[in-house]
């Protein structure tokens, strides 16, 4: 599992450097609505604090349905703080901003190619073969 967490971190860092990330539930929903074909990978993140947030769970269900309908690989992480650190998406107090949904997008018409994306796609495909539709990945510690 550490292997997949490291691959996810590498993908996010690479996509951020190429400006191929959309971060936030509402921002992600807007992108998927306007440019559905440009989404290459989806990360849903939550932690204990948000497990009972009904609105967030509804958004997750809708995002998952969109991803399933459009053949987009999707994973879950259970550490919003660590995800925000990787993305550099914290406020002045160090608290994470909205990182509950992160999309890796294809820049223009070209397909976003990254070895980590390939590893994660294979992992997602393998998980689906075992009926695990949204596999969980643990991000590596710093």
N, C-alpha and C. Protein backbone atom coordinates (compact mmCIF):
# COMPACT_ATOMS: atom_id res chain seq x y z
N UNK A 1 0.82 -1.20 0.00
CA UNK A 1 0.00 0.00 0.00
C UNK A 1 0.86 1.27 0.00
N UNK A 2 2.02 1.22 0.63
CA UNK A 2 2.90 2.38 0.64
C UNK A 2 3.30 2.76 -0.78
N UNK A 3 3.46 1.77 -1.62
CA UNK A 3 3.83 1.96 -3.02
C UNK A 3 2.80 2.84 -3.73
N UNK A 4 1.51 2.57 -3.51
CA UNK A 4 0.46 3.33 -4.16
C UNK A 4 0.33 4.73 -3.58
N UNK A 5 0.57 4.87 -2.30
CA UNK A 5 0.55 6.20 -1.68
C UNK A 5 1.66 7.08 -2.23
N UNK A 6 2.83 6.50 -2.42
CA UNK A 6 3.95 7.24 -3.00
C UNK A 6 3.64 7.62 -4.45
N UNK A 7 3.04 6.70 -5.21
CA UNK A 7 2.67 7.00 -6.60
C UNK A 7 1.66 8.13 -6.66
N UNK A 8 0.70 8.13 -5.73
CA UNK A 8 -0.30 9.20 -5.70
C UNK A 8 0.36 10.54 -5.39
N UNK A 9 1.27 10.54 -4.41
CA UNK A 9 1.98 11.78 -4.08
C UNK A 9 2.77 12.28 -5.30
N UNK A 10 3.46 11.38 -5.99
CA UNK A 10 4.23 11.77 -7.18
C UNK A 10 3.31 12.34 -8.26
N UNK A 11 2.16 11.71 -8.47
CA UNK A 11 1.21 12.20 -9.47
C UNK A 11 0.73 13.60 -9.13
N UNK A 12 0.37 13.82 -7.88
CA UNK A 12 -0.15 15.13 -7.48
C UNK A 12 0.90 16.22 -7.62
N UNK A 13 2.13 15.92 -7.22
CA UNK A 13 3.22 16.90 -7.32
C UNK A 13 3.49 17.22 -8.79
N UNK A 14 3.53 16.19 -9.62
CA UNK A 14 3.78 16.38 -11.04
C UNK A 14 2.65 17.18 -11.70
N UNK A 15 1.41 16.81 -11.41
CA UNK A 15 0.26 17.51 -11.99
C UNK A 15 0.20 18.96 -11.52
N UNK A 16 0.55 19.19 -10.27
CA UNK A 16 0.56 20.57 -9.76
C UNK A 16 1.60 21.40 -10.50
N UNK A 17 2.77 20.83 -10.72
CA UNK A 17 3.83 21.58 -11.41
C UNK A 17 3.45 21.88 -12.86
N UNK A 18 2.59 21.06 -13.44
CA UNK A 18 2.14 21.28 -14.81
C UNK A 18 0.80 22.02 -14.87
N UNK A 19 0.33 22.47 -13.71
CA UNK A 19 -0.94 23.18 -13.58
C UNK A 19 -2.10 22.38 -14.14
N UNK A 20 -2.14 21.11 -13.77
CA UNK A 20 -3.18 20.19 -14.23
C UNK A 20 -4.08 19.72 -13.09
N UNK A 21 -4.12 20.47 -11.99
CA UNK A 21 -4.94 20.08 -10.84
C UNK A 21 -6.12 21.03 -10.68
N UNK A 22 -7.23 20.45 -10.28
CA UNK A 22 -8.38 21.22 -9.83
C UNK A 22 -8.66 20.74 -8.42
N UNK A 23 -8.69 21.67 -7.47
CA UNK A 23 -8.82 21.31 -6.06
C UNK A 23 -10.08 21.94 -5.49
N UNK A 24 -10.87 21.13 -4.81
CA UNK A 24 -12.10 21.60 -4.18
C UNK A 24 -13.32 20.93 -4.80
N UNK A 25 -14.32 20.67 -4.00
CA UNK A 25 -15.53 19.98 -4.46
C UNK A 25 -16.25 20.80 -5.51
N UNK A 26 -16.50 22.08 -5.24
CA UNK A 26 -17.26 22.89 -6.18
C UNK A 26 -16.48 23.17 -7.45
N UNK A 27 -15.18 23.43 -7.31
CA UNK A 27 -14.34 23.67 -8.48
C UNK A 27 -14.29 22.43 -9.37
N UNK A 28 -14.20 21.27 -8.73
CA UNK A 28 -14.16 20.01 -9.47
C UNK A 28 -15.48 19.76 -10.20
N UNK A 29 -16.59 20.01 -9.51
CA UNK A 29 -17.91 19.82 -10.13
C UNK A 29 -18.07 20.73 -11.34
N UNK A 30 -17.59 21.98 -11.22
CA UNK A 30 -17.68 22.91 -12.35
C UNK A 30 -16.86 22.40 -13.53
N UNK A 31 -15.65 21.95 -13.28
CA UNK A 31 -14.80 21.44 -14.35
C UNK A 31 -15.44 20.24 -15.02
N UNK A 32 -15.97 19.31 -14.23
CA UNK A 32 -16.57 18.11 -14.79
C UNK A 32 -17.81 18.45 -15.61
N UNK A 33 -18.52 19.49 -15.22
CA UNK A 33 -19.71 19.91 -15.94
C UNK A 33 -19.36 20.56 -17.28
N UNK A 34 -18.32 21.38 -17.29
CA UNK A 34 -17.96 22.13 -18.49
C UNK A 34 -17.03 21.34 -19.41
N UNK A 35 -16.03 20.66 -18.85
CA UNK A 35 -15.02 19.93 -19.63
C UNK A 35 -14.90 18.48 -19.14
N UNK A 36 -15.92 17.68 -19.29
CA UNK A 36 -15.88 16.32 -18.73
C UNK A 36 -14.78 15.44 -19.32
N UNK A 37 -14.40 15.68 -20.56
CA UNK A 37 -13.40 14.82 -21.20
C UNK A 37 -11.98 15.11 -20.77
N UNK A 38 -11.76 16.18 -20.04
CA UNK A 38 -10.39 16.53 -19.67
C UNK A 38 -9.95 15.92 -18.35
N UNK A 39 -10.83 15.24 -17.63
CA UNK A 39 -10.48 14.68 -16.33
C UNK A 39 -9.79 13.33 -16.52
N UNK A 40 -8.58 13.18 -15.94
CA UNK A 40 -7.81 11.95 -16.06
C UNK A 40 -7.84 11.09 -14.80
N UNK A 41 -8.01 11.71 -13.61
CA UNK A 41 -7.94 10.97 -12.35
C UNK A 41 -8.63 11.79 -11.27
N UNK A 42 -9.23 11.11 -10.31
CA UNK A 42 -9.96 11.79 -9.23
C UNK A 42 -9.54 11.24 -7.88
N UNK A 43 -9.35 12.14 -6.92
CA UNK A 43 -9.04 11.78 -5.54
C UNK A 43 -10.13 12.38 -4.65
N UNK A 44 -10.77 11.55 -3.86
CA UNK A 44 -11.72 12.01 -2.86
C UNK A 44 -11.07 11.86 -1.50
N UNK A 45 -11.14 12.91 -0.70
CA UNK A 45 -10.46 12.89 0.60
C UNK A 45 -11.42 13.27 1.72
N UNK A 46 -11.30 12.54 2.78
CA UNK A 46 -12.07 12.86 3.98
C UNK A 46 -11.28 12.39 5.19
N UNK A 47 -11.74 12.74 6.35
CA UNK A 47 -11.18 12.22 7.58
C UNK A 47 -12.31 12.10 8.58
N UNK A 48 -12.02 11.67 9.79
CA UNK A 48 -13.07 11.42 10.77
C UNK A 48 -13.98 12.62 10.98
N UNK A 49 -13.42 13.80 10.94
CA UNK A 49 -14.20 15.02 11.17
C UNK A 49 -15.35 15.18 10.17
N UNK A 50 -15.15 14.69 8.94
CA UNK A 50 -16.14 14.91 7.88
C UNK A 50 -16.93 13.66 7.51
N UNK A 51 -16.70 12.53 8.19
CA UNK A 51 -17.39 11.29 7.85
C UNK A 51 -18.91 11.43 7.92
N UNK A 52 -19.42 12.26 8.80
CA UNK A 52 -20.87 12.40 8.97
C UNK A 52 -21.43 13.64 8.27
N UNK A 53 -20.64 14.28 7.45
CA UNK A 53 -21.08 15.45 6.70
C UNK A 53 -21.93 14.98 5.52
N UNK A 54 -23.25 15.07 5.67
CA UNK A 54 -24.17 14.53 4.67
C UNK A 54 -24.00 15.24 3.33
N UNK A 55 -23.85 16.55 3.32
CA UNK A 55 -23.69 17.28 2.06
C UNK A 55 -22.44 16.81 1.32
N UNK A 56 -21.35 16.63 2.05
CA UNK A 56 -20.12 16.16 1.43
C UNK A 56 -20.29 14.75 0.87
N UNK A 57 -20.97 13.89 1.61
CA UNK A 57 -21.20 12.52 1.13
C UNK A 57 -22.06 12.50 -0.13
N UNK A 58 -23.02 13.41 -0.23
CA UNK A 58 -23.84 13.52 -1.43
C UNK A 58 -22.98 13.96 -2.61
N UNK A 59 -22.12 14.95 -2.38
CA UNK A 59 -21.19 15.38 -3.44
C UNK A 59 -20.29 14.23 -3.87
N UNK A 60 -19.78 13.47 -2.91
CA UNK A 60 -18.93 12.33 -3.23
C UNK A 60 -19.68 11.32 -4.10
N UNK A 61 -20.93 11.06 -3.76
CA UNK A 61 -21.74 10.10 -4.53
C UNK A 61 -21.91 10.58 -5.96
N UNK A 62 -22.20 11.86 -6.13
CA UNK A 62 -22.38 12.41 -7.48
C UNK A 62 -21.07 12.39 -8.27
N UNK A 63 -19.97 12.74 -7.62
CA UNK A 63 -18.67 12.73 -8.29
C UNK A 63 -18.29 11.31 -8.68
N UNK A 64 -18.52 10.36 -7.78
CA UNK A 64 -18.22 8.96 -8.08
C UNK A 64 -19.04 8.49 -9.28
N UNK A 65 -20.32 8.83 -9.31
CA UNK A 65 -21.18 8.41 -10.43
C UNK A 65 -20.65 8.99 -11.74
N UNK A 66 -20.26 10.26 -11.71
CA UNK A 66 -19.70 10.88 -12.91
C UNK A 66 -18.45 10.13 -13.36
N UNK A 67 -17.57 9.85 -12.42
CA UNK A 67 -16.32 9.16 -12.75
C UNK A 67 -16.59 7.77 -13.31
N UNK A 68 -17.51 7.03 -12.69
CA UNK A 68 -17.84 5.69 -13.19
C UNK A 68 -18.40 5.77 -14.60
N UNK A 69 -19.30 6.72 -14.85
CA UNK A 69 -19.93 6.86 -16.17
C UNK A 69 -18.94 7.26 -17.25
N UNK A 70 -17.86 7.94 -16.85
CA UNK A 70 -16.90 8.45 -17.83
C UNK A 70 -15.57 7.72 -17.82
N UNK A 71 -15.49 6.60 -17.11
CA UNK A 71 -14.28 5.79 -17.11
C UNK A 71 -13.08 6.47 -16.47
N UNK A 72 -13.32 7.28 -15.46
CA UNK A 72 -12.25 8.00 -14.76
C UNK A 72 -11.88 7.22 -13.51
N UNK A 73 -10.59 6.93 -13.35
CA UNK A 73 -10.12 6.24 -12.15
C UNK A 73 -10.28 7.16 -10.95
N UNK A 74 -10.64 6.56 -9.83
CA UNK A 74 -10.94 7.33 -8.63
C UNK A 74 -10.42 6.56 -7.40
N UNK A 75 -9.85 7.30 -6.45
CA UNK A 75 -9.38 6.70 -5.19
C UNK A 75 -9.81 7.59 -4.03
N UNK A 76 -9.74 7.01 -2.85
CA UNK A 76 -10.03 7.75 -1.61
C UNK A 76 -8.78 7.82 -0.76
N UNK A 77 -8.60 8.93 -0.06
CA UNK A 77 -7.58 9.04 0.97
C UNK A 77 -8.27 9.51 2.24
N UNK A 78 -7.71 9.12 3.37
CA UNK A 78 -8.34 9.45 4.66
C UNK A 78 -7.51 10.40 5.49
N UNK A 79 -6.80 11.31 4.84
CA UNK A 79 -5.95 12.25 5.56
C UNK A 79 -5.92 13.59 4.80
N UNK A 80 -6.91 14.43 5.08
CA UNK A 80 -6.99 15.71 4.37
C UNK A 80 -5.81 16.62 4.71
N UNK A 81 -5.31 16.52 5.93
CA UNK A 81 -4.17 17.36 6.34
C UNK A 81 -2.94 17.02 5.51
N UNK A 82 -2.63 15.75 5.37
CA UNK A 82 -1.46 15.33 4.58
C UNK A 82 -1.65 15.68 3.10
N UNK A 83 -2.85 15.49 2.59
CA UNK A 83 -3.14 15.84 1.21
C UNK A 83 -2.94 17.34 0.98
N UNK A 84 -3.42 18.15 1.91
CA UNK A 84 -3.24 19.61 1.80
C UNK A 84 -1.76 19.98 1.84
N UNK A 85 -0.97 19.27 2.65
CA UNK A 85 0.48 19.53 2.69
C UNK A 85 1.12 19.25 1.34
N UNK A 86 0.76 18.13 0.73
CA UNK A 86 1.31 17.77 -0.58
C UNK A 86 0.94 18.82 -1.62
N UNK A 87 -0.30 19.29 -1.56
CA UNK A 87 -0.79 20.25 -2.54
C UNK A 87 -0.38 21.68 -2.22
N UNK A 88 0.12 21.91 -0.99
CA UNK A 88 0.42 23.27 -0.57
C UNK A 88 -0.85 24.08 -0.44
N UNK A 89 -1.91 23.42 0.00
CA UNK A 89 -3.23 24.04 0.03
C UNK A 89 -3.72 24.22 1.47
N UNK A 90 -2.96 24.97 2.25
CA UNK A 90 -3.35 25.27 3.62
C UNK A 90 -3.47 26.78 3.79
N UNK A 91 -4.24 27.17 4.80
CA UNK A 91 -4.35 28.60 5.07
C UNK A 91 -3.23 29.04 6.01
N UNK A 92 -3.28 30.28 6.46
CA UNK A 92 -2.20 30.84 7.29
C UNK A 92 -2.00 30.08 8.59
N UNK A 93 -3.07 29.49 9.12
CA UNK A 93 -2.96 28.76 10.39
C UNK A 93 -2.48 27.32 10.19
N UNK A 94 -2.29 26.91 8.93
CA UNK A 94 -1.87 25.54 8.67
C UNK A 94 -3.02 24.58 8.48
N UNK A 95 -4.26 25.09 8.59
CA UNK A 95 -5.43 24.24 8.40
C UNK A 95 -5.66 24.03 6.90
N UNK A 96 -6.06 22.80 6.52
CA UNK A 96 -6.29 22.54 5.10
C UNK A 96 -7.49 23.29 4.57
N UNK A 97 -7.35 23.81 3.33
CA UNK A 97 -8.50 24.35 2.63
C UNK A 97 -9.27 23.18 2.07
N UNK A 98 -10.26 23.43 1.23
CA UNK A 98 -11.07 22.34 0.69
C UNK A 98 -10.25 21.47 -0.25
N UNK A 99 -9.84 20.32 0.24
CA UNK A 99 -9.12 19.34 -0.57
C UNK A 99 -9.92 18.04 -0.66
N UNK A 100 -11.23 18.14 -0.44
CA UNK A 100 -12.06 16.93 -0.43
C UNK A 100 -12.16 16.27 -1.80
N UNK A 101 -11.95 17.05 -2.86
CA UNK A 101 -11.93 16.48 -4.19
C UNK A 101 -10.78 17.11 -4.96
N UNK A 102 -9.96 16.28 -5.58
CA UNK A 102 -8.84 16.75 -6.39
C UNK A 102 -8.92 16.02 -7.72
N UNK A 103 -8.92 16.80 -8.81
CA UNK A 103 -8.93 16.22 -10.15
C UNK A 103 -7.61 16.47 -10.83
N UNK A 104 -7.11 15.46 -11.51
CA UNK A 104 -5.96 15.61 -12.39
C UNK A 104 -6.55 15.72 -13.79
N UNK A 105 -6.25 16.82 -14.45
CA UNK A 105 -6.84 17.08 -15.76
C UNK A 105 -5.80 16.92 -16.87
N UNK A 106 -6.30 16.63 -18.05
CA UNK A 106 -5.45 16.59 -19.24
C UNK A 106 -5.24 18.02 -19.71
N UNK A 107 -4.00 18.44 -19.90
CA UNK A 107 -3.78 19.77 -20.45
C UNK A 107 -4.13 19.78 -21.93
N UNK A 108 -4.96 20.67 -22.34
CA UNK A 108 -5.44 20.81 -23.73
C UNK A 108 -5.94 19.48 -24.25
N UNK A 109 -5.65 19.17 -25.49
CA UNK A 109 -6.15 17.93 -26.09
C UNK A 109 -5.21 16.76 -25.82
N UNK A 110 -4.00 17.05 -25.37
CA UNK A 110 -3.04 15.99 -25.09
C UNK A 110 -3.42 15.24 -23.83
N UNK A 111 -3.08 13.99 -23.80
CA UNK A 111 -3.32 13.18 -22.61
C UNK A 111 -2.20 13.43 -21.61
N UNK A 112 -2.57 13.65 -20.36
CA UNK A 112 -1.59 13.84 -19.30
C UNK A 112 -0.89 12.50 -19.09
N UNK A 113 0.40 12.46 -19.36
CA UNK A 113 1.14 11.22 -19.22
C UNK A 113 2.12 11.35 -18.07
N UNK A 114 2.05 10.39 -17.18
CA UNK A 114 2.91 10.39 -16.02
C UNK A 114 3.04 8.93 -15.57
N UNK A 115 4.25 8.48 -15.26
CA UNK A 115 4.41 7.08 -14.82
C UNK A 115 3.57 6.76 -13.59
N UNK A 116 3.42 7.72 -12.69
CA UNK A 116 2.62 7.49 -11.48
C UNK A 116 1.14 7.31 -11.84
N UNK A 117 0.66 8.05 -12.83
CA UNK A 117 -0.73 7.90 -13.27
C UNK A 117 -0.95 6.50 -13.83
N UNK A 118 0.01 6.02 -14.57
CA UNK A 118 -0.08 4.66 -15.13
C UNK A 118 -0.13 3.62 -14.01
N UNK A 119 0.72 3.77 -12.99
CA UNK A 119 0.72 2.84 -11.85
C UNK A 119 -0.63 2.85 -11.14
N UNK A 120 -1.16 4.06 -10.92
CA UNK A 120 -2.43 4.18 -10.21
C UNK A 120 -3.59 3.65 -11.04
N UNK A 121 -3.54 3.84 -12.35
CA UNK A 121 -4.59 3.30 -13.22
C UNK A 121 -4.62 1.78 -13.17
N UNK A 122 -3.44 1.17 -13.18
CA UNK A 122 -3.36 -0.29 -13.07
C UNK A 122 -3.88 -0.76 -11.72
N UNK A 123 -3.53 -0.02 -10.65
CA UNK A 123 -4.01 -0.35 -9.31
C UNK A 123 -5.54 -0.28 -9.26
N UNK A 124 -6.12 0.78 -9.83
CA UNK A 124 -7.58 0.93 -9.83
C UNK A 124 -8.24 -0.18 -10.63
N UNK A 125 -7.66 -0.53 -11.75
CA UNK A 125 -8.20 -1.61 -12.59
C UNK A 125 -8.18 -2.93 -11.82
N UNK A 126 -7.09 -3.20 -11.14
CA UNK A 126 -6.98 -4.42 -10.34
C UNK A 126 -8.03 -4.43 -9.23
N UNK A 127 -8.20 -3.31 -8.56
CA UNK A 127 -9.19 -3.23 -7.48
C UNK A 127 -10.60 -3.46 -8.00
N UNK A 128 -10.92 -2.89 -9.17
CA UNK A 128 -12.25 -3.09 -9.76
C UNK A 128 -12.49 -4.57 -10.07
N UNK A 129 -11.44 -5.30 -10.42
CA UNK A 129 -11.61 -6.73 -10.71
C UNK A 129 -12.02 -7.50 -9.45
N UNK A 130 -11.78 -6.91 -8.28
CA UNK A 130 -12.20 -7.50 -7.00
C UNK A 130 -13.42 -6.77 -6.43
N UNK A 131 -14.11 -6.01 -7.29
CA UNK A 131 -15.32 -5.25 -6.92
C UNK A 131 -15.06 -4.18 -5.88
N UNK A 132 -13.85 -3.68 -5.85
CA UNK A 132 -13.53 -2.54 -4.99
C UNK A 132 -13.50 -1.32 -5.90
N UNK A 133 -14.59 -0.58 -5.94
CA UNK A 133 -14.78 0.46 -6.94
C UNK A 133 -14.07 1.75 -6.61
N UNK A 134 -13.90 2.06 -5.34
CA UNK A 134 -13.18 3.26 -4.93
C UNK A 134 -12.16 2.85 -3.88
N UNK A 135 -10.98 2.39 -4.34
CA UNK A 135 -9.98 1.91 -3.39
C UNK A 135 -9.42 3.03 -2.53
N UNK A 136 -9.04 2.67 -1.32
CA UNK A 136 -8.44 3.62 -0.39
C UNK A 136 -6.91 3.53 -0.50
N UNK A 137 -6.28 4.68 -0.45
CA UNK A 137 -4.82 4.76 -0.48
C UNK A 137 -4.37 5.57 0.72
N UNK A 138 -3.32 5.10 1.37
CA UNK A 138 -2.72 5.83 2.49
C UNK A 138 -1.53 6.62 1.97
N UNK A 139 -1.55 7.91 2.19
CA UNK A 139 -0.45 8.77 1.75
C UNK A 139 0.75 8.56 2.67
N UNK A 140 1.96 8.60 2.11
CA UNK A 140 3.15 8.42 2.95
C UNK A 140 3.35 9.62 3.86
N UNK A 141 3.90 9.33 5.03
CA UNK A 141 4.23 10.39 5.99
C UNK A 141 5.42 11.18 5.47
N UNK A 142 5.56 12.38 5.96
CA UNK A 142 6.73 13.20 5.60
C UNK A 142 7.90 12.80 6.40
